[in-house]
Amino acid sequence: MQKEIIDLIQAQMSVDHLEVELSGNHCSVTVVSAEFEGLSAVKKQQCIYQCLNEKIASGEIHAVNIRALTPSQWQANA
């Protein structure tokens, strides 16, 4: 399912970096995208939730931990 999640996010967003970790039906996602520039933390998370909505609605994913960063935020944390 990890590849499915990656494909879902990449199909809907332009990403510079993407990491997905699964533990059962819990998912941790790190997404770096210029599309996050100027967005609040909540808006960034909503972008990711929108990509994963069908997996969440079906119960395939129960919980999502999201780390959504702009490229400059990613560089600062590297």
Protein backbone atom coordinates (compact mmCIF):
# COMPACT_ATOMS: atom_id res chain seq x y z
CA MET A 1 0.00 0.00 0.00
CA GLN A 2 3.00 2.30 0.43
CA LYS A 3 3.40 2.59 -3.36
CA GLU A 4 -0.34 3.32 -3.72
CA ILE A 5 -0.09 6.18 -1.22
CA ILE A 6 2.96 7.61 -2.99
CA ASP A 7 1.18 7.36 -6.34
CA LEU A 8 -1.97 9.07 -4.97
CA ILE A 9 0.01 12.03 -3.62
CA GLN A 10 2.23 12.38 -6.70
CA ALA A 11 -0.81 12.24 -8.99
CA GLN A 12 -2.39 15.25 -7.28
CA MET A 13 0.61 17.33 -6.23
CA SER A 14 4.02 18.36 -7.48
CA VAL A 15 6.41 17.10 -4.80
CA ASP A 16 10.12 17.68 -4.30
CA HIS A 17 10.45 14.96 -1.67
CA LEU A 18 8.07 12.31 -0.36
CA GLU A 19 8.41 9.72 2.39
CA VAL A 20 5.71 7.26 3.46
CA GLU A 21 5.94 4.91 6.43
CA LEU A 22 3.25 2.41 7.32
CA SER A 23 2.54 0.64 10.57
CA GLY A 24 -0.61 -1.42 10.12
CA ASN A 25 -3.29 1.03 9.03
CA HIS A 26 -1.41 4.03 10.47
CA CYS A 27 0.52 6.14 8.00
CA SER A 28 3.25 8.74 8.44
CA VAL A 29 3.83 11.03 5.49
CA THR A 30 6.50 13.65 4.86
CA VAL A 31 5.80 15.82 1.82
CA VAL A 32 8.00 18.65 0.55
CA SER A 33 6.33 20.80 -2.10
CA ALA A 34 6.52 24.34 -3.40
CA GLU A 35 2.71 24.17 -3.50
CA PHE A 36 2.78 24.70 0.28
CA GLU A 37 4.33 28.18 -0.03
CA GLY A 38 2.16 30.70 1.81
CA LEU A 39 -0.22 28.09 3.26
CA SER A 40 -0.95 27.60 6.96
CA ALA A 41 -0.10 24.28 8.61
CA VAL A 42 -3.78 23.32 8.52
CA LYS A 43 -4.09 24.09 4.79
CA LYS A 44 -0.96 22.03 4.07
CA GLN A 45 -2.44 19.07 5.95
CA GLN A 46 -5.75 19.46 4.12
CA CYS A 47 -3.90 19.13 0.80
CA ILE A 48 -2.47 15.78 1.92
CA TYR A 49 -5.78 14.56 3.38
CA GLN A 50 -7.46 15.38 0.07
CA CYS A 51 -4.96 13.12 -1.72
CA LEU A 52 -5.58 10.25 0.72
CA ASN A 53 -9.33 10.72 1.18
CA GLU A 54 -10.40 7.51 -0.59
CA LYS A 55 -7.98 5.39 1.48
CA ILE A 56 -9.16 7.04 4.71
CA ALA A 57 -12.86 6.71 3.80
CA SER A 58 -12.44 3.01 2.98
CA GLY A 59 -10.69 2.36 6.29
CA GLU A 60 -7.47 1.25 4.61
CA ILE A 61 -5.80 4.12 6.46
CA HIS A 62 -7.03 4.76 9.98
CA ALA A 63 -4.63 7.50 11.11
CA VAL A 64 -2.27 9.83 9.28
CA ASN A 65 0.67 11.72 10.72
CA ILE A 66 1.57 14.51 8.30
CA ARG A 67 4.74 16.53 7.99
CA ALA A 68 4.18 19.05 5.17
CA LEU A 69 7.04 21.39 4.35
CA THR A 70 8.05 23.93 1.73
CA PRO A 71 11.45 23.35 0.09
CA SER A 72 13.00 26.13 2.21
CA GLN A 73 11.55 24.61 5.41
CA TRP A 74 12.94 21.21 4.35
CA GLN A 75 16.39 22.76 3.73
CA ALA A 76 16.32 24.44 7.15
CA ASN A 77 15.51 21.10 8.83
CA ALA A 78 18.09 19.09 6.85
